């Protein structure tokens, strides 16, 4: 005959099992509530107007967490883990406030993330690109040197004034550079034509790099993420990049 444990021991075991079951249920409920709350915040992140997200600290926290992880997985391979880009390949620095398209607000960044630049998507940013003025014969090597000297003079002091003056005339006439960059070379955010008057350069502002740009053209690409990332991560990435380029804006994270 099997010996039975004392009744008090059975009671203690039952109480322990009951307590463990209750603790497991409480933990599972807490996790479920956290997931529900997170899903609600993610839904609110997408529903809110892009710029309105910045005024809601809870949404900013969610966006930063998701955006940082998404950037590391999808964007860091080109733009670098430090967001600094690579001039040698024309990959922009995402921490400065110089943007080729739009004013760099959340909605502008989100549009670029969604559709890309010359990505092949019908909504991509691809109105124009930098033509190869040397290879197509629009400008001669001597004329290219003068145009480059003019552009160089806009951000440097050690330039040839005579060549720069001739280059200015070519810039606004035969070279047709003004058509995208403007007669004052300040660029056009609708076309993605960079401002040539400052010190922030996509490829580089030295004479050799400028000569290469005018001679051979530029055709930068950015993939469209609309079919790869869900709307929550796209919005989160846009917010993350905005905040990375606007330090000290007072937005709570």
C-alpha atoms as a PDB file:
ATOM      1  CA  UNK A   1       0.000   0.000   0.000  1.00  0.00           C
ATOM      2  CA  UNK A   2       1.458   3.426  -1.103  1.00  0.00           C
ATOM      3  CA  UNK A   3       2.238   5.758   1.724  1.00  0.00           C
ATOM      4  CA  UNK A   4       0.291   9.040   1.405  1.00  0.00           C
ATOM      5  CA  UNK A   5       1.913  12.379   2.283  1.00  0.00           C
ATOM      6  CA  UNK A   6       0.548  14.112   5.330  1.00  0.00           C
ATOM      7  CA  UNK A   7      -2.477  16.331   4.620  1.00  0.00           C
ATOM      8  CA  UNK A   8      -0.595  19.486   5.629  1.00  0.00           C
ATOM      9  CA  UNK A   9       2.156  18.744   3.052  1.00  0.00           C
ATOM     10  CA  UNK A  10      -0.456  18.261   0.313  1.00  0.00           C
ATOM     11  CA  UNK A  11      -2.006  21.552   1.278  1.00  0.00           C
ATOM     12  CA  UNK A  12       1.356  23.335   1.140  1.00  0.00           C
ATOM     13  CA  UNK A  13       2.102  21.889  -2.311  1.00  0.00           C
ATOM     14  CA  UNK A  14      -1.310  22.942  -3.561  1.00  0.00           C
ATOM     15  CA  UNK A  15      -0.788  26.440  -2.231  1.00  0.00           C
ATOM     16  CA  UNK A  16       2.628  26.662  -3.934  1.00  0.00           C
ATOM     17  CA  UNK A  17       1.173  25.475  -7.242  1.00  0.00           C
ATOM     18  CA  UNK A  18      -1.678  27.953  -6.914  1.00  0.00           C
ATOM     19  CA  UNK A  19       0.720  30.796  -6.135  1.00  0.00           C
ATOM     20  CA  UNK A  20       2.936  29.899  -9.103  1.00  0.00           C
ATOM     21  CA  UNK A  21      -0.080  29.734 -11.400  1.00  0.00           C
ATOM     22  CA  UNK A  22      -1.303  33.084 -10.119  1.00  0.00           C
ATOM     23  CA  UNK A  23       2.145  34.669 -10.581  1.00  0.00           C
ATOM     24  CA  UNK A  24       2.359  33.301 -14.122  1.00  0.00           C
ATOM     25  CA  UNK A  25      -1.080  34.672 -14.901  1.00  0.00           C
ATOM     26  CA  UNK A  26      -0.153  38.100 -13.492  1.00  0.00           C
ATOM     27  CA  UNK A  27       3.087  38.148 -15.507  1.00  0.00           C
ATOM     28  CA  UNK A  28       1.329  37.083 -18.690  1.00  0.00           C
ATOM     29  CA  UNK A  29      -1.336  39.727 -18.127  1.00  0.00           C
ATOM     30  CA  UNK A  30       1.312  42.405 -17.571  1.00  0.00           C
ATOM     31  CA  UNK A  31       3.129  41.423 -20.763  1.00  0.00           C
ATOM     32  CA  UNK A  32      -0.134  41.398 -22.691  1.00  0.00           C
ATOM     33  CA  UNK A  33      -1.038  44.852 -21.384  1.00  0.00           C
ATOM     34  CA  UNK A  34       2.406  46.163 -22.355  1.00  0.00           C
ATOM     35  CA  UNK A  35       2.033  44.755 -25.865  1.00  0.00           C
ATOM     36  CA  UNK A  36      -1.436  46.255 -26.206  1.00  0.00           C
ATOM     37  CA  UNK A  37      -0.146  49.628 -25.014  1.00  0.00           C
ATOM     38  CA  UNK A  38       2.785  49.457 -27.425  1.00  0.00           C
ATOM     39  CA  UNK A  39       0.543  48.533 -30.355  1.00  0.00           C
ATOM     40  CA  UNK A  40      -1.706  51.465 -29.507  1.00  0.00           C
ATOM     41  CA  UNK A  41       1.273  53.832 -29.457  1.00  0.00           C
ATOM     42  CA  UNK A  42       2.516  52.473 -32.771  1.00  0.00           C
ATOM     43  CA  UNK A  43      -0.933  52.964 -34.271  1.00  0.00           C
ATOM     44  CA  UNK A  44      -1.020  56.519 -32.894  1.00  0.00           C
ATOM     45  CA  UNK A  45       2.446  57.135 -34.349  1.00  0.00           C
ATOM     46  CA  UNK A  46       1.115  56.471 -37.847  1.00  0.00           C
ATOM     47  CA  UNK A  47      -2.246  58.173 -37.363  1.00  0.00           C
ATOM     48  CA  UNK A  48      -0.752  61.434 -36.118  1.00  0.00           C
ATOM     49  CA  UNK A  49       0.327  64.122 -38.575  1.00  0.00           C
ATOM     50  CA  UNK A  50       4.096  63.782 -39.151  1.00  0.00           C
ATOM     51  CA  UNK A  51       5.086  67.009 -37.373  1.00  0.00           C
ATOM     52  CA  UNK A  52       2.547  66.456 -34.573  1.00  0.00           C
ATOM     53  CA  UNK A  53       4.507  63.390 -33.441  1.00  0.00           C
ATOM     54  CA  UNK A  54       7.288  65.687 -32.254  1.00  0.00           C
ATOM     55  CA  UNK A  55       4.960  67.271 -29.684  1.00  0.00           C
ATOM     56  CA  UNK A  56       4.095  63.943 -28.047  1.00  0.00           C
ATOM     57  CA  UNK A  57       6.945  62.521 -25.923  1.00  0.00           C
ATOM     58  CA  UNK A  58       5.437  59.030 -25.726  1.00  0.00           C
ATOM     59  CA  UNK A  59       5.308  58.791 -29.525  1.00  0.00           C
ATOM     60  CA  UNK A  60       8.820  60.201 -29.820  1.00  0.00           C
ATOM     61  CA  UNK A  61      10.146  57.489 -27.506  1.00  0.00           C
ATOM     62  CA  UNK A  62       8.512  54.756 -29.591  1.00  0.00           C
ATOM     63  CA  UNK A  63       9.764  56.346 -32.820  1.00  0.00           C
ATOM     64  CA  UNK A  64      13.321  56.621 -31.558  1.00  0.00           C
ATOM     65  CA  UNK A  65      13.442  53.004 -30.442  1.00  0.00           C
ATOM     66  CA  UNK A  66      11.978  51.647 -33.687  1.00  0.00           C
ATOM     67  CA  UNK A  67      13.740  54.179 -35.896  1.00  0.00           C
ATOM     68  CA  UNK A  68      17.179  53.536 -34.430  1.00  0.00           C
ATOM     69  CA  UNK A  69      16.814  49.781 -34.922  1.00  0.00           C
ATOM     70  CA  UNK A  70      15.442  50.211 -38.444  1.00  0.00           C
ATOM     71  CA  UNK A  71      18.275  52.549 -39.396  1.00  0.00           C
ATOM     72  CA  UNK A  72      20.883  50.080 -38.126  1.00  0.00           C
ATOM     73  CA  UNK A  73      19.304  47.249 -40.114  1.00  0.00           C
ATOM     74  CA  UNK A  74      18.487  49.078 -43.352  1.00  0.00           C
ATOM     75  CA  UNK A  75      20.397  52.363 -43.697  1.00  0.00           C
ATOM     76  CA  UNK A  76      23.700  52.109 -41.855  1.00  0.00           C
ATOM     77  CA  UNK A  77      25.254  50.020 -44.633  1.00  0.00           C
ATOM     78  CA  UNK A  78      25.346  53.134 -46.848  1.00  0.00           C
ATOM     79  CA  UNK A  79      25.038  56.116 -44.512  1.00  0.00           C
ATOM     80  CA  UNK A  80      27.233  54.611 -41.795  1.00  0.00           C
ATOM     81  CA  UNK A  81      26.529  53.791 -38.184  1.00  0.00           C
ATOM     82  CA  UNK A  82      27.291  57.439 -37.359  1.00  0.00           C
ATOM     83  CA  UNK A  83      24.886  58.791 -40.046  1.00  0.00           C
ATOM     84  CA  UNK A  84      27.780  60.738 -41.603  1.00  0.00           C
ATOM     85  CA  UNK A  85      27.456  59.254 -45.091  1.00  0.00           C
ATOM     86  CA  UNK A  86      30.353  58.951 -47.536  1.00  0.00           C
ATOM     87  CA  UNK A  87      31.388  61.807 -49.814  1.00  0.00           C
ATOM     88  CA  UNK A  88      33.393  59.540 -52.090  1.00  0.00           C
ATOM     89  CA  UNK A  89      30.118  57.856 -53.082  1.00  0.00           C
ATOM     90  CA  UNK A  90      27.851  60.896 -52.784  1.00  0.00           C
ATOM     91  CA  UNK A  91      26.029  59.488 -49.761  1.00  0.00           C
ATOM     92  CA  UNK A  92      24.782  62.436 -47.682  1.00  0.00           C
ATOM     93  CA  UNK A  93      25.429  63.191 -44.056  1.00  0.00           C
ATOM     94  CA  UNK A  94      22.076  62.747 -42.316  1.00  0.00           C
ATOM     95  CA  UNK A  95      23.057  64.659 -39.188  1.00  0.00           C
ATOM     96  CA  UNK A  96      23.443  68.059 -40.813  1.00  0.00           C
ATOM     97  CA  UNK A  97      20.492  70.212 -41.843  1.00  0.00           C
ATOM     98  CA  UNK A  98      21.287  70.303 -45.546  1.00  0.00           C
ATOM     99  CA  UNK A  99      18.619  68.453 -47.507  1.00  0.00           C
ATOM    100  CA  UNK A 100      18.453  67.975 -51.264  1.00  0.00           C
ATOM    101  CA  UNK A 101      14.673  67.611 -51.315  1.00  0.00           C
ATOM    102  CA  UNK A 102      12.286  69.657 -49.234  1.00  0.00           C
ATOM    103  CA  UNK A 103      13.061  71.429 -45.978  1.00  0.00           C
ATOM    104  CA  UNK A 104      14.070  68.356 -43.986  1.00  0.00           C
ATOM    105  CA  UNK A 105      10.902  68.130 -41.917  1.00  0.00           C
ATOM    106  CA  UNK A 106       9.427  64.764 -40.942  1.00  0.00           C
ATOM    107  CA  UNK A 107       7.026  64.665 -43.906  1.00  0.00           C
ATOM    108  CA  UNK A 108       9.807  65.411 -46.423  1.00  0.00           C
ATOM    109  CA  UNK A 109      12.073  62.738 -44.955  1.00  0.00           C
ATOM    110  CA  UNK A 110       9.214  60.248 -44.878  1.00  0.00           C
ATOM    111  CA  UNK A 111       8.512  60.830 -48.581  1.00  0.00           C
ATOM    112  CA  UNK A 112      12.120  60.073 -49.454  1.00  0.00           C
ATOM    113  CA  UNK A 113      12.119  56.938 -47.282  1.00  0.00           C
ATOM    114  CA  UNK A 114       8.870  55.760 -48.854  1.00  0.00           C
ATOM    115  CA  UNK A 115       9.687  56.276 -52.527  1.00  0.00           C
ATOM    116  CA  UNK A 116      13.439  56.772 -52.729  1.00  0.00           C
ATOM    117  CA  UNK A 117      15.530  58.812 -55.146  1.00  0.00           C
ATOM    118  CA  UNK A 118      15.723  57.535 -58.745  1.00  0.00           C
ATOM    119  CA  UNK A 119      14.609  54.195 -57.302  1.00  0.00           C
ATOM    120  CA  UNK A 120      12.353  53.234 -60.196  1.00  0.00           C
ATOM    121  CA  UNK A 121       9.214  53.786 -58.140  1.00  0.00           C
ATOM    122  CA  UNK A 122       6.779  56.072 -60.013  1.00  0.00           C
ATOM    123  CA  UNK A 123       6.675  58.429 -57.024  1.00  0.00           C
ATOM    124  CA  UNK A 124      10.419  58.532 -56.452  1.00  0.00           C
ATOM    125  CA  UNK A 125      12.273  61.808 -56.458  1.00  0.00           C
ATOM    126  CA  UNK A 126      13.655  61.783 -59.993  1.00  0.00           C
ATOM    127  CA  UNK A 127      12.674  65.040 -61.695  1.00  0.00           C
ATOM    128  CA  UNK A 128      16.257  65.607 -62.803  1.00  0.00           C
ATOM    129  CA  UNK A 129      19.879  64.696 -62.173  1.00  0.00           C
ATOM    130  CA  UNK A 130      23.291  66.172 -62.920  1.00  0.00           C
ATOM    131  CA  UNK A 131      24.061  65.828 -66.672  1.00  0.00           C
ATOM    132  CA  UNK A 132      27.505  64.888 -67.956  1.00  0.00           C
ATOM    133  CA  UNK A 133      28.228  68.250 -69.580  1.00  0.00           C
ATOM    134  CA  UNK A 134      31.698  67.199 -70.641  1.00  0.00           C
ATOM    135  CA  UNK A 135      30.892  63.782 -72.039  1.00  0.00           C
ATOM    136  CA  UNK A 136      27.925  65.033 -74.063  1.00  0.00           C
ATOM    137  CA  UNK A 137      30.044  67.884 -75.447  1.00  0.00           C
ATOM    138  CA  UNK A 138      27.965  70.725 -74.063  1.00  0.00           C
ATOM    139  CA  UNK A 139      31.050  72.258 -72.473  1.00  0.00           C
ATOM    140  CA  UNK A 140      34.669  71.971 -73.591  1.00  0.00           C
ATOM    141  CA  UNK A 141      37.425  71.068 -71.105  1.00  0.00           C
ATOM    142  CA  UNK A 142      38.481  74.744 -70.970  1.00  0.00           C
ATOM    143  CA  UNK A 143      34.895  75.839 -70.318  1.00  0.00           C
ATOM    144  CA  UNK A 144      34.510  73.214 -67.639  1.00  0.00           C
ATOM    145  CA  UNK A 145      37.589  74.584 -65.901  1.00  0.00           C
ATOM    146  CA  UNK A 146      36.053  78.067 -65.874  1.00  0.00           C
ATOM    147  CA  UNK A 147      32.652  76.866 -64.626  1.00  0.00           C
ATOM    148  CA  UNK A 148      34.393  74.892 -61.897  1.00  0.00           C
ATOM    149  CA  UNK A 149      36.403  77.989 -60.956  1.00  0.00           C
ATOM    150  CA  UNK A 150      33.192  79.994 -60.634  1.00  0.00           C
ATOM    151  CA  UNK A 151      31.537  77.364 -58.434  1.00  0.00           C
ATOM    152  CA  UNK A 152      34.754  77.030 -56.426  1.00  0.00           C
ATOM    153  CA  UNK A 153      34.829  80.807 -55.898  1.00  0.00           C
ATOM    154  CA  UNK A 154      31.456  80.701 -54.156  1.00  0.00           C
ATOM    155  CA  UNK A 155      32.918  79.000 -51.098  1.00  0.00           C
ATOM    156  CA  UNK A 156      36.684  79.633 -51.371  1.00  0.00           C
ATOM    157  CA  UNK A 157      38.979  82.636 -51.505  1.00  0.00           C
ATOM    158  CA  UNK A 158      41.886  81.213 -53.510  1.00  0.00           C
ATOM    159  CA  UNK A 159      40.257  81.429 -56.939  1.00  0.00           C
ATOM    160  CA  UNK A 160      41.133  82.863 -60.347  1.00  0.00           C
ATOM    161  CA  UNK A 161      38.865  85.906 -60.708  1.00  0.00           C
ATOM    162  CA  UNK A 162      39.120  86.072 -64.516  1.00  0.00           C
ATOM    163  CA  UNK A 163      38.272  82.385 -64.969  1.00  0.00           C
ATOM    164  CA  UNK A 164      35.475  82.614 -62.388  1.00  0.00           C
ATOM    165  CA  UNK A 165      33.929  85.583 -64.231  1.00  0.00           C
ATOM    166  CA  UNK A 166      33.934  83.635 -67.498  1.00  0.00           C
ATOM    167  CA  UNK A 167      32.591  80.600 -65.649  1.00  0.00           C
ATOM    168  CA  UNK A 168      29.727  82.663 -64.248  1.00  0.00           C
ATOM    169  CA  UNK A 169      28.677  83.579 -67.788  1.00  0.00           C
ATOM    170  CA  UNK A 170      28.849  79.928 -68.872  1.00  0.00           C
ATOM    171  CA  UNK A 171      26.935  78.846 -65.763  1.00  0.00           C
ATOM    172  CA  UNK A 172      24.049  81.128 -66.707  1.00  0.00           C
ATOM    173  CA  UNK A 173      24.129  80.522 -70.447  1.00  0.00           C
ATOM    174  CA  UNK A 174      25.795  77.724 -72.408  1.00  0.00           C
ATOM    175  CA  UNK A 175      26.150  75.358 -69.468  1.00  0.00           C
ATOM    176  CA  UNK A 176      22.472  75.769 -68.492  1.00  0.00           C
ATOM    177  CA  UNK A 177      23.522  75.189 -64.877  1.00  0.00           C
ATOM    178  CA  UNK A 178      21.154  77.945 -63.737  1.00  0.00           C
ATOM    179  CA  UNK A 179      18.183  75.907 -64.901  1.00  0.00           C
ATOM    180  CA  UNK A 180      18.463  73.648 -61.844  1.00  0.00           C
ATOM    181  CA  UNK A 181      20.824  75.448 -59.455  1.00  0.00           C
ATOM    182  CA  UNK A 182      19.362  78.927 -60.015  1.00  0.00           C
ATOM    183  CA  UNK A 183      21.050  82.036 -61.333  1.00  0.00           C
ATOM    184  CA  UNK A 184      22.526  82.620 -57.861  1.00  0.00           C
ATOM    185  CA  UNK A 185      23.641  78.942 -57.533  1.00  0.00           C
ATOM    186  CA  UNK A 186      21.575  78.525 -54.368  1.00  0.00           C
ATOM    187  CA  UNK A 187      19.954  75.297 -55.610  1.00  0.00           C
ATOM    188  CA  UNK A 188      16.381  74.065 -55.778  1.00  0.00           C
ATOM    189  CA  UNK A 189      14.815  71.755 -53.218  1.00  0.00           C
ATOM    190  CA  UNK A 190      12.095  70.734 -55.671  1.00  0.00           C
ATOM    191  CA  UNK A 191      14.614  69.336 -58.144  1.00  0.00           C
ATOM    192  CA  UNK A 192      17.111  68.079 -55.599  1.00  0.00           C
ATOM    193  CA  UNK A 193      19.685  70.509 -57.036  1.00  0.00           C
ATOM    194  CA  UNK A 194      22.142  71.329 -54.230  1.00  0.00           C
ATOM    195  CA  UNK A 195      23.074  74.788 -53.029  1.00  0.00           C
ATOM    196  CA  UNK A 196      26.551  75.504 -54.430  1.00  0.00           C
ATOM    197  CA  UNK A 197      27.192  78.589 -52.299  1.00  0.00           C
ATOM    198  CA  UNK A 198      27.814  76.919 -48.938  1.00  0.00           C
ATOM    199  CA  UNK A 199      30.322  74.541 -47.424  1.00  0.00           C
ATOM    200  CA  UNK A 200      28.173  71.419 -47.241  1.00  0.00           C
ATOM    201  CA  UNK A 201      29.006  69.207 -50.221  1.00  0.00           C
ATOM    202  CA  UNK A 202      27.487  65.924 -51.301  1.00  0.00           C
ATOM    203  CA  UNK A 203      30.548  64.752 -53.251  1.00  0.00           C
ATOM    204  CA  UNK A 204      33.101  67.417 -52.361  1.00  0.00           C
ATOM    205  CA  UNK A 205      33.809  71.047 -53.168  1.00  0.00           C
ATOM    206  CA  UNK A 206      37.426  70.779 -54.318  1.00  0.00           C
ATOM    207  CA  UNK A 207      38.320  71.508 -57.935  1.00  0.00           C
ATOM    208  CA  UNK A 208      38.999  67.874 -58.862  1.00  0.00           C
ATOM    209  CA  UNK A 209      35.653  66.639 -57.558  1.00  0.00           C
ATOM    210  CA  UNK A 210      33.748  69.538 -59.111  1.00  0.00           C
ATOM    211  CA  UNK A 211      35.442  68.838 -62.446  1.00  0.00           C
ATOM    212  CA  UNK A 212      34.399  65.204 -62.239  1.00  0.00           C
ATOM    213  CA  UNK A 213      30.804  66.231 -61.446  1.00  0.00           C
ATOM    214  CA  UNK A 214      30.544  68.643 -64.385  1.00  0.00           C
ATOM    215  CA  UNK A 215      32.322  66.313 -66.797  1.00  0.00           C
ATOM    216  CA  UNK A 216      30.660  63.003 -65.942  1.00  0.00           C
ATOM    217  CA  UNK A 217      27.459  63.968 -64.150  1.00  0.00           C
ATOM    218  CA  UNK A 218      25.946  62.553 -60.956  1.00  0.00           C
ATOM    219  CA  UNK A 219      23.086  60.106 -60.530  1.00  0.00           C
ATOM    220  CA  UNK A 220      22.638  59.357 -56.836  1.00  0.00           C
ATOM    221  CA  UNK A 221      20.214  56.629 -55.785  1.00  0.00           C
ATOM    222  CA  UNK A 222      18.210  55.830 -52.680  1.00  0.00           C
ATOM    223  CA  UNK A 223      15.971  52.752 -52.536  1.00  0.00           C
ATOM    224  CA  UNK A 224      12.223  52.940 -51.990  1.00  0.00           C
ATOM    225  CA  UNK A 225      11.263  51.238 -48.734  1.00  0.00           C
ATOM    226  CA  UNK A 226       7.498  51.304 -49.204  1.00  0.00           C
ATOM    227  CA  UNK A 227       7.291  47.596 -50.050  1.00  0.00           C
ATOM    228  CA  UNK A 228       9.938  46.518 -47.520  1.00  0.00           C
ATOM    229  CA  UNK A 229       9.101  48.358 -44.294  1.00  0.00           C
ATOM    230  CA  UNK A 230       5.694  48.717 -42.672  1.00  0.00           C
ATOM    231  CA  UNK A 231       4.192  52.205 -42.169  1.00  0.00           C
ATOM    232  CA  UNK A 232       5.104  52.255 -38.470  1.00  0.00           C
ATOM    233  CA  UNK A 233       8.810  51.725 -39.138  1.00  0.00           C
ATOM    234  CA  UNK A 234       8.844  54.181 -42.025  1.00  0.00           C
ATOM    235  CA  UNK A 235       7.313  56.894 -39.821  1.00  0.00           C
ATOM    236  CA  UNK A 236       9.650  55.965 -36.958  1.00  0.00           C
ATOM    237  CA  UNK A 237      12.683  56.175 -39.252  1.00  0.00           C
ATOM    238  CA  UNK A 238      11.608  59.604 -40.512  1.00  0.00           C
ATOM    239  CA  UNK A 239      11.208  60.903 -36.952  1.00  0.00           C
ATOM    240  CA  UNK A 240      14.547  59.395 -35.909  1.00  0.00           C
ATOM    241  CA  UNK A 241      16.367  61.054 -38.817  1.00  0.00           C
ATOM    242  CA  UNK A 242      14.670  64.377 -38.165  1.00  0.00           C
ATOM    243  CA  UNK A 243      15.770  64.359 -34.544  1.00  0.00           C
ATOM    244  CA  UNK A 244      19.290  63.288 -35.522  1.00  0.00           C
ATOM    245  CA  UNK A 245      19.552  66.389 -37.712  1.00  0.00           C
ATOM    246  CA  UNK A 246      17.922  68.728 -35.195  1.00  0.00           C
ATOM    247  CA  UNK A 247      19.818  68.298 -31.926  1.00  0.00           C
ATOM    248  CA  UNK A 248      18.803  70.534 -29.074  1.00  0.00           C
ATOM    249  CA  UNK A 249      15.338  71.255 -30.442  1.00  0.00           C
ATOM    250  CA  UNK A 250      13.796  70.675 -27.023  1.00  0.00           C
ATOM    251  CA  UNK A 251      11.863  67.596 -28.160  1.00  0.00           C
ATOM    252  CA  UNK A 252      11.612  65.124 -25.309  1.00  0.00           C
ATOM    253  CA  UNK A 253      12.858  61.625 -26.026  1.00  0.00           C
END
